[in-house]
C-alpha atoms as a PDB file:
ATOM      1  CA  LEU A   1     130.614 108.092  91.692  1.00  0.00           C
ATOM      2  CA  ARG A   2     132.959 110.874  92.665  1.00  0.00           C
ATOM      3  CA  VAL A   3     132.659 112.880  95.892  1.00  0.00           C
ATOM      4  CA  ALA A   4     134.729 116.058  96.273  1.00  0.00           C
ATOM      5  CA  GLY A   5     134.655 118.761  98.915  1.00  0.00           C
ATOM      6  CA  ARG A   6     133.757 119.121 102.563  1.00  0.00           C
ATOM      7  CA  LEU A   7     130.711 117.980 104.495  1.00  0.00           C
ATOM      8  CA  GLY A   8     129.576 120.062 107.444  1.00  0.00           C
ATOM      9  CA  PRO A   9     127.462 123.055 108.448  1.00  0.00           C
ATOM     10  CA  GLY A  10     127.003 125.182 105.348  1.00  0.00           C
ATOM     11  CA  ALA A  11     129.189 122.867 103.254  1.00  0.00           C
ATOM     12  CA  ARG A  12     128.069 120.070 100.983  1.00  0.00           C
ATOM     13  CA  PRO A  13     130.398 117.911  98.901  1.00  0.00           C
ATOM     14  CA  ALA A  14     129.904 117.743  95.141  1.00  0.00           C
ATOM     15  CA  VAL A  15     128.755 114.288  94.019  1.00  0.00           C
ATOM     16  CA  THR A  16     129.125 113.489  90.341  1.00  0.00           C
ATOM     17  CA  GLY A  17     128.828 110.367  88.250  1.00  0.00           C
ATOM     18  CA  ARG A  18     126.277 107.700  87.501  1.00  0.00           C
ATOM     19  CA  LEU A  19     124.355 105.401  89.823  1.00  0.00           C
ATOM     20  CA  ALA A  20     122.531 102.390  88.393  1.00  0.00           C
ATOM     21  CA  VAL A  21     119.971 100.166  90.101  1.00  0.00           C
ATOM     22  CA  ALA A  22     118.622  96.948  88.575  1.00  0.00           C
ATOM     23  CA  GLY A  23     116.276  94.344  90.031  1.00  0.00           C
ATOM     24  CA  GLY A  24     115.407  96.443  93.072  1.00  0.00           C
ATOM     25  CA  SER A  25     112.286  96.071  95.200  1.00  0.00           C
ATOM     26  CA  PHE A  26     110.730  97.547  98.315  1.00  0.00           C
ATOM     27  CA  ARG A  27     107.519  97.322 100.276  1.00  0.00           C
ATOM     28  CA  TYR A  28     106.278  99.711 102.935  1.00  0.00           C
ATOM     29  CA  PRO A  29     105.527  97.935 106.233  1.00  0.00           C
ATOM     30  CA  GLY A  30     101.858  96.958 106.243  1.00  0.00           C
ATOM     31  CA  ALA A  31     101.393  97.741 102.530  1.00  0.00           C
ATOM     32  CA  ALA A  32      99.232  95.288 100.620  1.00  0.00           C
ATOM     33  CA  VAL A  33     101.625  95.169  97.656  1.00  0.00           C
ATOM     34  CA  GLY A  34     105.145  96.327  96.898  1.00  0.00           C
ATOM     35  CA  VAL A  35     107.330  97.709  94.137  1.00  0.00           C
ATOM     36  CA  GLN A  36     109.278  95.113  92.144  1.00  0.00           C
ATOM     37  CA  ASP A  37     111.721  95.053  89.235  1.00  0.00           C
ATOM     38  CA  LEU A  38     112.877  98.595  90.029  1.00  0.00           C
ATOM     39  CA  ALA A  39     115.561  99.766  87.611  1.00  0.00           C
ATOM     40  CA  PHE A  40     116.994 103.197  86.821  1.00  0.00           C
ATOM     41  CA  THR A  41     120.139 105.133  86.039  1.00  0.00           C
ATOM     42  CA  ALA A  42     120.743 108.413  87.870  1.00  0.00           C
ATOM     43  CA  ASP A  43     123.200 110.953  86.454  1.00  0.00           C
ATOM     44  CA  LEU A  44     124.502 113.114  89.302  1.00  0.00           C
ATOM     45  CA  GLU A  45     125.990 116.595  88.933  1.00  0.00           C
ATOM     46  CA  PRO A  46     127.134 119.062  91.621  1.00  0.00           C
ATOM     47  CA  ASP A  47     123.859 121.015  91.480  1.00  0.00           C
ATOM     48  CA  GLY A  48     121.351 118.512  90.138  1.00  0.00           C
ATOM     49  CA  PHE A  49     120.483 115.019  89.034  1.00  0.00           C
ATOM     50  CA  ALA A  50     118.490 113.292  86.311  1.00  0.00           C
ATOM     51  CA  VAL A  51     116.779 109.905  86.163  1.00  0.00           C
ATOM     52  CA  ASN A  52     115.533 109.430  82.606  1.00  0.00           C
ATOM     53  CA  ASP A  53     114.723 105.733  82.592  1.00  0.00           C
ATOM     54  CA  LEU A  54     113.005 104.568  85.796  1.00  0.00           C
ATOM     55  CA  ARG A  55     111.077 101.334  85.306  1.00  0.00           C
ATOM     56  CA  ALA A  56     109.215  99.283  87.902  1.00  0.00           C
ATOM     57  CA  ARG A  57     106.230  97.063  88.537  1.00  0.00           C
ATOM     58  CA  VAL A  58     103.849  98.310  91.227  1.00  0.00           C
ATOM     59  CA  GLY A  59     101.371  95.670  92.319  1.00  0.00           C
ATOM     60  CA  GLY A  60     102.332  93.781  89.154  1.00  0.00           C
ATOM     61  CA  GLU A  61     101.569  96.726  86.832  1.00  0.00           C
ATOM     62  CA  PRO A  62     104.335  98.359  84.740  1.00  0.00           C
ATOM     63  CA  LEU A  63     105.310 101.949  85.512  1.00  0.00           C
ATOM     64  CA  ARG A  64     107.836 104.231  83.759  1.00  0.00           C
ATOM     65  CA  ALA A  65     109.065 107.571  85.061  1.00  0.00           C
ATOM     66  CA  GLN A  66     111.582 110.373  84.640  1.00  0.00           C
ATOM     67  CA  LEU A  67     112.748 112.950  87.165  1.00  0.00           C
ATOM     68  CA  ALA A  68     115.279 115.770  86.955  1.00  0.00           C
ATOM     69  CA  VAL A  69     116.098 118.297  89.670  1.00  0.00           C
ATOM     70  CA  SER A  70     118.422 121.270  89.286  1.00  0.00           C
ATOM     71  CA  ARG A  71     119.547 124.242  91.406  1.00  0.00           C
ATOM     72  CA  PHE A  72     119.433 122.655  94.859  1.00  0.00           C
ATOM     73  CA  ALA A  73     119.366 126.089  96.591  1.00  0.00           C
ATOM     74  CA  ASP A  74     115.919 126.692  95.058  1.00  0.00           C
ATOM     75  CA  PRO A  75     115.145 123.408  93.298  1.00  0.00           C
ATOM     76  CA  GLN A  76     113.455 123.221  89.933  1.00  0.00           C
ATOM     77  CA  ALA A  77     112.054 119.824  88.905  1.00  0.00           C
ATOM     78  CA  ARG A  78     110.602 118.190  85.855  1.00  0.00           C
ATOM     79  CA  PHE A  79     108.969 114.777  85.842  1.00  0.00           C
ATOM     80  CA  ALA A  80     106.961 112.330  83.791  1.00  0.00           C
ATOM     81  CA  VAL A  81     105.046 109.236  84.933  1.00  0.00           C
ATOM     82  CA  LYS A  82     103.251 106.725  82.730  1.00  0.00           C
ATOM     83  CA  GLY A  83     101.546 103.518  83.755  1.00  0.00           C
ATOM     84  CA  ALA A  84      99.106 101.991  86.174  1.00  0.00           C
ATOM     85  CA  LEU A  85      99.705 102.434  89.875  1.00  0.00           C
ATOM     86  CA  ASP A  86      98.285 100.215  92.609  1.00  0.00           C
ATOM     87  CA  LEU A  87      97.600 102.835  95.294  1.00  0.00           C
ATOM     88  CA  ALA A  88      97.886 100.296  98.122  1.00  0.00           C
ATOM     89  CA  ALA A  89     101.604  99.891  97.348  1.00  0.00           C
ATOM     90  CA  LEU A  90     102.250 103.548  98.120  1.00  0.00           C
ATOM     91  CA  SER A  91      99.507 104.190 100.671  1.00  0.00           C
ATOM     92  CA  GLN A  92     101.988 105.290 103.335  1.00  0.00           C
ATOM     93  CA  ALA A  93     103.597 107.785 100.962  1.00  0.00           C
ATOM     94  CA  LEU A  94     100.242 109.176  99.793  1.00  0.00           C
ATOM     95  CA  ALA A  95      98.296 109.536 103.035  1.00  0.00           C
ATOM     96  CA  PRO A  96      98.730 110.092 106.789  1.00  0.00           C
ATOM     97  CA  LYS A  97     100.041 107.165 108.845  1.00  0.00           C
ATOM     98  CA  ASP A  98      96.716 105.657 109.957  1.00  0.00           C
ATOM     99  CA  THR A  99      94.956 106.158 106.605  1.00  0.00           C
ATOM    100  CA  LYS A 100      94.629 103.375 104.043  1.00  0.00           C
ATOM    101  CA  VAL A 101      94.427 104.141 100.334  1.00  0.00           C
ATOM    102  CA  ALA A 102      93.567 101.462  97.782  1.00  0.00           C
ATOM    103  CA  GLY A 103      92.511 101.255  94.145  1.00  0.00           C
ATOM    104  CA  ARG A 104      94.217 102.056  90.901  1.00  0.00           C
ATOM    105  CA  ALA A 105      95.523 105.206  89.245  1.00  0.00           C
ATOM    106  CA  GLU A 106      96.226 105.229  85.515  1.00  0.00           C
ATOM    107  CA  LEU A 107      98.762 107.950  84.788  1.00  0.00           C
ATOM    108  CA  ASN A 108     100.211 109.713  81.779  1.00  0.00           C
ATOM    109  CA  VAL A 109     101.394 112.910  83.456  1.00  0.00           C
ATOM    110  CA  ARG A 110     104.240 115.367  82.906  1.00  0.00           C
ATOM    111  CA  GLY A 111     105.135 118.461  84.871  1.00  0.00           C
ATOM    112  CA  ALA A 112     107.766 121.048  85.703  1.00  0.00           C
ATOM    113  CA  GLY A 113     108.070 123.725  88.346  1.00  0.00           C
ATOM    114  CA  ARG A 114     109.649 125.058  91.508  1.00  0.00           C
ATOM    115  CA  VAL A 115     109.760 122.396  94.246  1.00  0.00           C
ATOM    116  CA  ARG A 116     109.148 124.888  97.079  1.00  0.00           C
ATOM    117  CA  ASP A 117     105.929 126.036  95.396  1.00  0.00           C
ATOM    118  CA  PRO A 118     103.967 122.991  94.163  1.00  0.00           C
ATOM    119  CA  GLY A 119     101.310 125.385  92.833  1.00  0.00           C
ATOM    120  CA  SER A 120     103.886 126.641  90.302  1.00  0.00           C
ATOM    121  CA  PHE A 121     104.047 123.289  88.509  1.00  0.00           C
ATOM    122  CA  ALA A 122     102.817 123.327  84.925  1.00  0.00           C
ATOM    123  CA  LEU A 123     101.178 119.945  84.342  1.00  0.00           C
ATOM    124  CA  ASP A 124     100.153 118.154  81.169  1.00  0.00           C
ATOM    125  CA  GLY A 125      98.553 114.807  80.409  1.00  0.00           C
ATOM    126  CA  ASN A 126      95.788 112.786  81.979  1.00  0.00           C
ATOM    127  CA  ALA A 127      95.033 110.558  84.921  1.00  0.00           C
ATOM    128  CA  ALA A 128      92.203 108.328  86.064  1.00  0.00           C
ATOM    129  CA  LEU A 129      91.216 106.896  89.425  1.00  0.00           C
ATOM    130  CA  VAL A 130      89.568 103.498  89.222  1.00  0.00           C
ATOM    131  CA  ASN A 131      87.700 101.890  92.139  1.00  0.00           C
ATOM    132  CA  ALA A 132      89.774 103.680  94.778  1.00  0.00           C
ATOM    133  CA  SER A 133      89.016 103.798  98.486  1.00  0.00           C
ATOM    134  CA  LEU A 134      90.091 105.852 101.477  1.00  0.00           C
ATOM    135  CA  GLU A 135      89.789 104.776 105.101  1.00  0.00           C
ATOM    136  CA  GLY A 136      91.139 106.413 108.233  1.00  0.00           C
ATOM    137  CA  PRO A 137      90.406 107.826 111.675  1.00  0.00           C
ATOM    138  CA  ALA A 138      89.741 111.329 110.290  1.00  0.00           C
ATOM    139  CA  LEU A 139      86.847 109.979 108.192  1.00  0.00           C
ATOM    140  CA  PRO A 140      83.511 109.012 109.754  1.00  0.00           C
ATOM    141  CA  ARG A 141      83.126 106.187 107.194  1.00  0.00           C
ATOM    142  CA  ARG A 142      85.181 104.396 104.579  1.00  0.00           C
ATOM    143  CA  VAL A 143      84.948 106.238 101.247  1.00  0.00           C
ATOM    144  CA  GLU A 144      84.864 103.750  98.371  1.00  0.00           C
ATOM    145  CA  ALA A 145      84.069 103.349  94.698  1.00  0.00           C
ATOM    146  CA  ILE A 146      86.115 106.504  94.007  1.00  0.00           C
ATOM    147  CA  SER A 147      86.524 107.027  90.267  1.00  0.00           C
ATOM    148  CA  ALA A 148      87.372 110.038  88.121  1.00  0.00           C
ATOM    149  CA  SER A 149      89.149 111.164  85.002  1.00  0.00           C
ATOM    150  CA  VAL A 150      91.427 114.198  85.067  1.00  0.00           C
ATOM    151  CA  GLN A 151      92.720 116.155  82.081  1.00  0.00           C
ATOM    152  CA  LEU A 152      95.773 118.271  82.890  1.00  0.00           C
ATOM    153  CA  ALA A 153      96.849 121.458  81.126  1.00  0.00           C
ATOM    154  CA  PRO A 154      99.707 123.760  82.188  1.00  0.00           C
ATOM    155  CA  GLU A 155      97.658 125.825  84.651  1.00  0.00           C
ATOM    156  CA  GLN A 156      94.445 123.861  85.085  1.00  0.00           C
ATOM    157  CA  ALA A 157      93.079 120.417  85.876  1.00  0.00           C
ATOM    158  CA  THR A 158      89.640 119.405  84.639  1.00  0.00           C
ATOM    159  CA  VAL A 159      88.004 116.678  86.707  1.00  0.00           C
ATOM    160  CA  ARG A 160      85.179 114.707  85.105  1.00  0.00           C
ATOM    161  CA  GLY A 161      82.896 112.239  86.803  1.00  0.00           C
ATOM    162  CA  LEU A 162      84.464 112.169  90.259  1.00  0.00           C
ATOM    163  CA  THR A 163      82.218 109.701  92.045  1.00  0.00           C
ATOM    164  CA  ALA A 164      82.419 108.155  95.498  1.00  0.00           C
ATOM    165  CA  ARG A 165      80.316 106.353  98.088  1.00  0.00           C
ATOM    166  CA  ALA A 166      80.421 106.514 101.895  1.00  0.00           C
ATOM    167  CA  GLY A 167      77.824 104.298 103.539  1.00  0.00           C
ATOM    168  CA  LYS A 168      74.495 105.028 101.826  1.00  0.00           C
ATOM    169  CA  SER A 169      75.678 108.415 100.520  1.00  0.00           C
ATOM    170  CA  THR A 170      77.068 108.945  97.015  1.00  0.00           C
ATOM    171  CA  PHE A 171      78.182 111.951  95.032  1.00  0.00           C
ATOM    172  CA  THR A 172      79.302 112.892  91.540  1.00  0.00           C
ATOM    173  CA  LEU A 173      81.331 115.986  90.802  1.00  0.00           C
ATOM    174  CA  ASP A 174      82.828 117.761  87.791  1.00  0.00           C
ATOM    175  CA  ALA A 175      85.346 120.511  88.545  1.00  0.00           C
ATOM    176  CA  SER A 176      88.096 122.726  87.197  1.00  0.00           C
ATOM    177  CA  LEU A 177      91.107 123.566  89.346  1.00  0.00           C
ATOM    178  CA  THR A 178      93.594 126.340  88.692  1.00  0.00           C
ATOM    179  CA  ARG A 179      97.098 125.523  90.003  1.00  0.00           C
ATOM    180  CA  PRO A 180      95.938 122.062  91.190  1.00  0.00           C
ATOM    181  CA  LEU A 181      99.098 121.128  93.109  1.00  0.00           C
ATOM    182  CA  ALA A 182      98.606 124.194  95.311  1.00  0.00           C
ATOM    183  CA  LEU A 183      95.981 122.086  97.104  1.00  0.00           C
ATOM    184  CA  ALA A 184      98.841 120.039  98.554  1.00  0.00           C
ATOM    185  CA  ILE A 185     100.288 123.086 100.339  1.00  0.00           C
ATOM    186  CA  ARG A 186      99.608 123.862 103.990  1.00  0.00           C
ATOM    187  CA  PRO A 187      96.992 126.665 104.181  1.00  0.00           C
ATOM    188  CA  GLY A 188      98.585 130.116 104.176  1.00  0.00           C
ATOM    189  CA  ALA A 189     101.908 128.892 102.750  1.00  0.00           C
ATOM    190  CA  ALA A 190     101.140 129.937  99.144  1.00  0.00           C
ATOM    191  CA  ALA A 191      98.518 131.633  97.011  1.00  0.00           C
ATOM    192  CA  PRO A 192      95.214 129.678  96.911  1.00  0.00           C
ATOM    193  CA  ALA A 193      94.436 127.405  93.982  1.00  0.00           C
END
């Protein structure tokens, strides 16, 4: 790696070069499972970076990913994720602190857009939730047996067979969402999905 320039208010040094990680692992405190066999190479440039070969095992399942970010002043990103994901391994990254997420997500998803506006991301691919659950203080009951398939197109997500159970109640839902990542934005911060 090479670092050139000043660091301080309004100044950021330029970092260039390549960073490689092999055999890495981590586990969030309290997480049921962790991430193992983490390996990637990151190519760093003054105004961006690219990771084209991330590989890991999450809860024993293989996962591959790519991520590139450019123009740090107003970041643009592109990503791809393929593999099975044990949601318990990343529960703390996916949900509020006191909420537990479990189950499995099967992903083959690609996207690109402006980081400051998640609703701008054009998505493609598909995803499935299998036997997921959600439990936390904001929910009156544990929600379990969550399953769904999602087909992603650049401006729309089509959800088929979203099912879940909470106590004796169950539901099934099919839906279409325009700008699906806009749902992750705080209300009033961007145009509605």
